[in-house]
Amino acid sequence: MDNKTFTGILREDMNGHYVEQPDGTKLFSDELIWDGYIKHWKDTAVCARRLEQRDYQNGGPILIMWPDEPKPKQPFVRIYYNERLVKYWQSTFGHLAIDVNGDIFNFAEKYNEIEIITKEEYFYRPALGEFAPSPNTGRQEIFQEGKSYLDKFGRNFMRGIHVCHVEGIDTKKLYDILAKKMEMIHNTPPNPRDPENWPDFHFIKRSCTSIVRDGLRACGYNNIKGVIPRDFFVNAAYNLKKEKELKVKLYKMPQLLVQESPPSKPTMLFNVSNWFKNRALDFEK
């Protein structure tokens, strides 16, 4: 399959939608372009490529698109606090992930969500095929046989995301620590009675937050604390900004609302000290 990345302007005419290259060539005019992309990015510059996963309606490869943005020039780490999904009680406390030079480490309870993933797939996968919510329930629906619906499309279409961008951390050391943890998890034999979930997951000791926290501590940032995603994010951002050798900036990625997902909501801060730390944080507009 051709998974080459193309760039151009997402266009619409009487015949449908396509990506227009600088020389006027129309790409993907005979392929399914997800409505969410058209809603948010029509007439703007995008990148696009085909995924290995197949669309359930036409059987063809799924097309992923994302904004055509410049890449950071310096090595970086980004901590992502994902607001909570209101339709899942398991998402009551939100979620945390970490990006090391463009590779996003996502730790979770379900094996299919524990992965190292590119920025475009983490944030911008379309709600098509296995990534879509089930048409029966509007939620995740996994079948032993047949077409499963993981409800795992682009996180920025599902949630608002708070970002702590850091330059100056030893990215090689951090990457190696997280990669070894990822390898260990995937080498853990599943529980036959619950094969979809990582059996060693623990909300306090081995979660999306604690693994990231311990990785940053192993890189020397021992003042970082927290186990609940938003509390940890605020604490980490506050303490990393105090490190003189680091360059830190904070910003938010507002949710790109689509019909497949209701608006997300930020989790409350549980640690009172983080209320004051949060007020001291300066998010870019």
Protein backbone atom coordinates (compact mmCIF):
# COMPACT_ATOMS: atom_id res chain seq x y z
CA MET A 1 0.00 0.00 0.00
CA ASP A 2 1.20 3.51 -0.83
CA ASN A 3 1.53 5.34 2.51
CA LYS A 4 3.46 8.30 1.15
CA THR A 5 2.60 11.66 2.71
CA PHE A 6 1.19 14.35 0.42
CA THR A 7 0.61 18.03 1.14
CA GLY A 8 -1.83 20.50 -0.36
CA ILE A 9 -5.01 22.48 0.24
CA LEU A 10 -8.21 20.67 1.22
CA ARG A 11 -10.76 21.78 -1.37
CA GLU A 12 -14.43 21.30 -2.15
CA ASP A 13 -16.25 21.62 -5.48
CA MET A 14 -19.49 20.33 -7.01
CA ASN A 15 -17.93 16.91 -7.51
CA GLY A 16 -16.74 16.42 -3.96
CA HIS A 17 -13.59 16.94 -1.91
CA TYR A 18 -9.89 16.57 -2.70
CA VAL A 19 -6.41 17.79 -1.82
CA GLU A 20 -5.06 20.28 -4.32
CA GLN A 21 -1.30 20.37 -4.82
CA PRO A 22 0.60 23.54 -5.84
CA ASP A 23 0.60 22.49 -9.50
CA GLY A 24 -3.19 22.04 -9.49
CA THR A 25 -3.17 18.24 -9.24
CA LYS A 26 -6.22 16.87 -7.41
CA LEU A 27 -5.46 14.04 -5.00
CA PHE A 28 -7.86 11.65 -3.21
CA SER A 29 -10.89 12.89 -5.17
CA ASP A 30 -12.16 9.30 -5.49
CA GLU A 31 -11.49 8.37 -1.84
CA LEU A 32 -13.50 8.93 1.33
CA ILE A 33 -12.46 12.11 3.16
CA TRP A 34 -13.89 12.19 6.67
CA ASP A 35 -16.45 14.92 7.39
CA GLY A 36 -14.50 16.11 10.44
CA TYR A 37 -11.57 17.17 8.26
CA ILE A 38 -13.85 19.07 5.91
CA LYS A 39 -15.59 20.82 8.81
CA HIS A 40 -12.40 22.14 10.35
CA TRP A 41 -9.80 22.36 7.58
CA LYS A 42 -11.52 23.15 4.28
CA ASP A 43 -9.38 25.59 2.25
CA THR A 44 -6.39 25.17 4.56
CA ALA A 45 -3.04 23.43 4.13
CA VAL A 46 -3.03 19.77 5.18
CA CYS A 47 -0.87 16.68 5.01
CA ALA A 48 -2.47 13.36 4.07
CA ARG A 49 -1.58 9.69 3.72
CA ARG A 50 -3.26 6.31 3.65
CA LEU A 51 -3.35 4.03 6.68
CA GLU A 52 -3.14 0.26 6.77
CA GLN A 53 -6.55 0.04 8.43
CA ARG A 54 -9.58 -0.36 6.16
CA ASP A 55 -12.83 1.58 6.07
CA TYR A 56 -15.83 -0.62 6.85
CA GLN A 57 -18.07 1.01 4.22
CA ASN A 58 -15.95 0.84 1.07
CA GLY A 59 -13.18 -1.58 2.08
CA GLY A 60 -10.49 0.85 0.98
CA PRO A 61 -7.61 2.19 3.09
CA ILE A 62 -8.48 4.93 5.55
CA LEU A 63 -7.19 8.39 4.69
CA ILE A 64 -5.69 10.40 7.55
CA MET A 65 -5.19 14.18 7.40
CA TRP A 66 -3.54 16.67 9.71
CA PRO A 67 -2.55 20.36 9.63
CA ASP A 68 0.59 21.18 7.65
CA GLU A 69 2.62 22.79 10.43
CA PRO A 70 6.38 23.38 10.86
CA LYS A 71 8.22 20.87 13.02
CA PRO A 72 10.13 21.99 16.15
CA LYS A 73 13.81 22.72 15.45
CA GLN A 74 15.04 21.67 18.90
CA PRO A 75 14.68 18.34 20.74
CA PHE A 76 11.55 18.49 22.87
CA VAL A 77 9.23 16.77 25.29
CA ARG A 78 5.51 17.50 25.45
CA ILE A 79 3.24 16.41 28.27
CA TYR A 80 -0.40 16.12 27.21
CA TYR A 81 -3.26 16.30 29.67
CA ASN A 82 -6.40 15.06 27.89
CA GLU A 83 -9.70 16.26 29.34
CA ARG A 84 -12.20 13.63 30.40
CA LEU A 85 -14.58 11.88 28.02
CA VAL A 86 -18.05 12.41 29.44
CA LYS A 87 -19.48 9.18 28.01
CA TYR A 88 -16.99 6.88 29.79
CA TRP A 89 -16.83 6.63 33.59
CA GLN A 90 -13.32 5.19 33.19
CA SER A 91 -12.32 8.62 31.87
CA THR A 92 -13.45 10.48 34.99
CA PHE A 93 -9.91 11.68 35.76
CA GLY A 94 -8.88 12.39 32.17
CA HIS A 95 -5.75 10.96 30.58
CA LEU A 96 -2.04 11.70 30.22
CA ALA A 97 0.45 11.02 27.44
CA ILE A 98 3.98 12.18 26.65
CA ASP A 99 5.63 13.13 23.36
CA VAL A 100 9.39 12.70 22.90
CA ASN A 101 10.60 14.33 19.67
CA GLY A 102 7.39 13.45 17.84
CA ASP A 103 6.85 9.92 19.16
CA ILE A 104 3.93 9.84 21.58
CA PHE A 105 3.99 7.26 24.37
CA ASN A 106 0.47 6.31 25.40
CA PHE A 107 0.08 4.10 28.46
CA ALA A 108 -3.34 2.80 29.47
CA GLU A 109 -5.20 -0.24 30.80
CA LYS A 110 -6.22 -1.66 27.40
CA TYR A 111 -3.49 -3.28 25.32
CA ASN A 112 -4.78 -1.72 22.09
CA GLU A 113 -4.22 1.76 23.60
CA ILE A 114 -0.69 1.08 24.88
CA GLU A 115 1.47 2.21 21.98
CA ILE A 116 4.11 4.52 20.58
CA ILE A 117 2.27 6.57 18.01
CA THR A 118 2.93 9.46 15.63
CA LYS A 119 1.50 12.90 16.37
CA GLU A 120 -0.91 12.75 13.44
CA GLU A 121 -2.35 9.38 14.44
CA TYR A 122 -2.67 10.34 18.10
CA PHE A 123 -4.44 13.64 17.47
CA TYR A 124 -6.09 13.37 14.05
CA ARG A 125 -7.19 9.85 13.07
CA PRO A 126 -10.63 9.95 11.43
CA ALA A 127 -13.72 8.40 13.00
CA LEU A 128 -13.85 5.69 10.35
CA GLY A 129 -13.47 1.91 10.40
CA GLU A 130 -12.11 0.51 13.64
CA PHE A 131 -11.35 4.00 14.97
CA ALA A 132 -15.02 5.04 14.97
CA PRO A 133 -17.55 4.67 17.80
CA SER A 134 -20.03 1.85 17.32
CA PRO A 135 -23.11 2.81 15.29
CA ASN A 136 -25.09 0.65 17.73
CA THR A 137 -24.01 2.26 21.00
CA GLY A 138 -22.00 5.39 20.13
CA ARG A 139 -19.24 3.94 22.28
CA GLN A 140 -16.53 1.32 22.08
CA GLU A 141 -17.74 -2.13 21.00
CA ILE A 142 -15.21 -4.93 20.64
CA PHE A 143 -16.14 -8.26 19.07
CA GLN A 144 -14.26 -11.56 19.22
CA GLU A 145 -14.94 -11.91 15.51
CA GLY A 146 -16.03 -9.30 13.00
CA LYS A 147 -15.67 -5.55 12.85
CA SER A 148 -14.76 -3.96 16.16
CA TYR A 149 -15.27 -0.29 16.94
CA LEU A 150 -12.53 1.00 19.23
CA ASP A 151 -13.83 4.60 19.49
CA LYS A 152 -10.18 5.64 19.26
CA PHE A 153 -10.08 8.35 16.62
CA GLY A 154 -8.04 11.55 16.86
CA ARG A 155 -7.79 12.67 20.48
CA ASN A 156 -8.08 16.33 19.56
CA PHE A 157 -11.47 15.56 18.00
CA MET A 158 -12.48 13.76 21.19
CA ARG A 159 -11.01 16.07 23.83
CA GLY A 160 -9.54 19.42 24.70
CA ILE A 161 -5.81 18.97 25.38
CA HIS A 162 -3.47 20.95 27.65
CA VAL A 163 0.17 20.96 26.52
CA CYS A 164 3.44 21.50 28.39
CA HIS A 165 6.23 21.88 25.80
CA VAL A 166 9.74 21.48 27.26
CA GLU A 167 13.17 21.90 25.67
CA GLY A 168 16.36 20.92 27.50
CA ILE A 169 15.43 17.48 28.87
CA ASP A 170 17.71 14.58 27.90
CA THR A 171 15.31 13.19 25.29
CA LYS A 172 17.41 10.12 24.47
CA LYS A 173 17.48 9.00 28.10
CA LEU A 174 13.76 9.62 28.56
CA TYR A 175 12.90 7.86 25.28
CA ASP A 176 14.92 4.78 26.26
CA ILE A 177 13.25 4.61 29.69
CA LEU A 178 9.75 4.82 28.24
CA ALA A 179 10.51 2.43 25.36
CA LYS A 180 11.77 -0.23 27.77
CA LYS A 181 8.61 0.16 29.82
CA MET A 182 6.49 -0.18 26.69
CA GLU A 183 8.37 -3.34 25.68
CA MET A 184 7.95 -4.82 29.14
CA ILE A 185 4.18 -4.22 29.07
CA HIS A 186 3.72 -5.84 25.67
CA ASN A 187 5.81 -8.82 26.80
CA THR A 188 3.53 -9.34 29.81
CA PRO A 189 1.28 -12.38 29.23
CA PRO A 190 -2.38 -11.33 29.32
CA ASN A 191 -4.85 -12.75 31.76
CA PRO A 192 -6.83 -15.38 29.77
CA ARG A 193 -10.02 -14.25 31.53
CA ASP A 194 -9.44 -10.62 30.49
CA PRO A 195 -7.13 -10.65 27.45
CA GLU A 196 -7.90 -7.09 26.34
CA ASN A 197 -6.43 -5.44 29.45
CA TRP A 198 -2.87 -5.21 30.79
CA PRO A 199 -3.04 -7.32 33.98
CA ASP A 200 -0.46 -5.24 35.88
CA PHE A 201 -2.23 -1.92 35.35
CA HIS A 202 -2.75 -0.05 38.61
CA PHE A 203 -4.33 3.40 39.00
CA ILE A 204 -1.66 4.49 41.50
CA LYS A 205 1.47 2.46 40.72
CA ARG A 206 1.31 1.61 36.98
CA SER A 207 -0.92 4.03 35.10
CA CYS A 208 -0.70 6.56 32.28
CA THR A 209 0.45 9.13 34.85
CA SER A 210 2.76 7.20 37.14
CA ILE A 211 4.84 5.75 34.27
CA VAL A 212 5.40 9.21 32.79
CA ARG A 213 6.11 10.68 36.23
CA ASP A 214 8.68 7.98 37.03
CA GLY A 215 10.37 8.47 33.66
CA LEU A 216 10.80 12.20 34.30
CA ARG A 217 12.05 11.52 37.82
CA ALA A 218 14.63 9.10 36.42
CA CYS A 219 15.87 12.02 34.31
CA GLY A 220 16.49 14.05 37.45
CA TYR A 221 13.23 15.95 37.99
CA ASN A 222 12.46 14.51 41.41
CA ASN A 223 10.14 17.29 42.59
CA ILE A 224 7.40 16.23 40.16
CA LYS A 225 4.48 14.61 41.97
CA GLY A 226 0.98 13.32 41.30
CA VAL A 227 -1.04 10.33 40.14
CA ILE A 228 -4.23 12.00 38.83
CA PRO A 229 -3.60 13.26 35.27
CA ARG A 230 -4.56 16.94 35.64
CA ASP A 231 -2.98 17.29 39.09
CA PHE A 232 0.21 15.74 37.76
CA PHE A 233 0.19 17.99 34.68
CA VAL A 234 -0.12 21.15 36.78
CA ASN A 235 2.53 19.99 39.25
CA ALA A 236 4.94 18.97 36.48
CA ALA A 237 4.49 22.18 34.52
CA TYR A 238 4.96 24.30 37.65
CA ASN A 239 8.14 22.49 38.71
CA LEU A 240 9.67 22.21 35.24
CA LYS A 241 9.27 25.97 34.76
CA LYS A 242 11.44 26.45 37.85
CA GLU A 243 14.35 24.55 36.24
CA LYS A 244 16.76 27.17 34.87
CA GLU A 245 18.16 24.92 32.14
CA LEU A 246 14.73 24.22 30.65
CA LYS A 247 12.63 26.24 28.23
CA VAL A 248 8.94 25.66 28.96
CA LYS A 249 5.78 26.93 27.30
CA LEU A 250 2.16 26.07 27.96
CA TYR A 251 -0.79 26.15 25.60
CA LYS A 252 -4.13 24.49 24.99
CA MET A 253 -5.48 22.64 21.97
CA PRO A 254 -9.25 23.32 22.00
CA GLN A 255 -11.38 20.31 21.08
CA LEU A 256 -12.21 20.12 17.37
CA LEU A 257 -15.88 19.32 17.78
CA VAL A 258 -17.39 16.63 15.56
CA GLN A 259 -20.66 14.69 15.65
CA GLU A 260 -18.95 11.51 16.86
CA SER A 261 -17.92 12.96 20.23
CA PRO A 262 -19.58 15.24 22.80
CA PRO A 263 -17.56 18.11 24.33
CA SER A 264 -14.98 16.95 26.84
CA LYS A 265 -14.62 18.48 30.29
CA PRO A 266 -11.54 19.29 32.40
CA THR A 267 -11.09 17.30 35.57
CA MET A 268 -11.19 19.20 38.86
CA LEU A 269 -7.90 19.59 40.73
CA PHE A 270 -7.91 17.34 43.80
CA ASN A 271 -4.74 18.59 45.49
CA VAL A 272 -5.39 22.03 47.00
CA SER A 273 -1.77 23.10 46.47
CA ASN A 274 -2.24 22.56 42.74
CA TRP A 275 -5.03 25.15 42.71
CA PHE A 276 -2.42 27.78 43.49
CA LYS A 277 0.17 26.29 41.14
CA ASN A 278 -2.38 26.29 38.33
CA ARG A 279 -3.12 29.99 38.88
CA ALA A 280 0.60 30.70 38.49
CA LEU A 281 0.83 28.95 35.12
CA ASP A 282 0.87 31.17 32.06
CA PHE A 283 -0.82 29.52 29.06
CA GLU A 284 -0.18 31.07 25.66
CA LYS A 285 -3.26 32.39 23.91
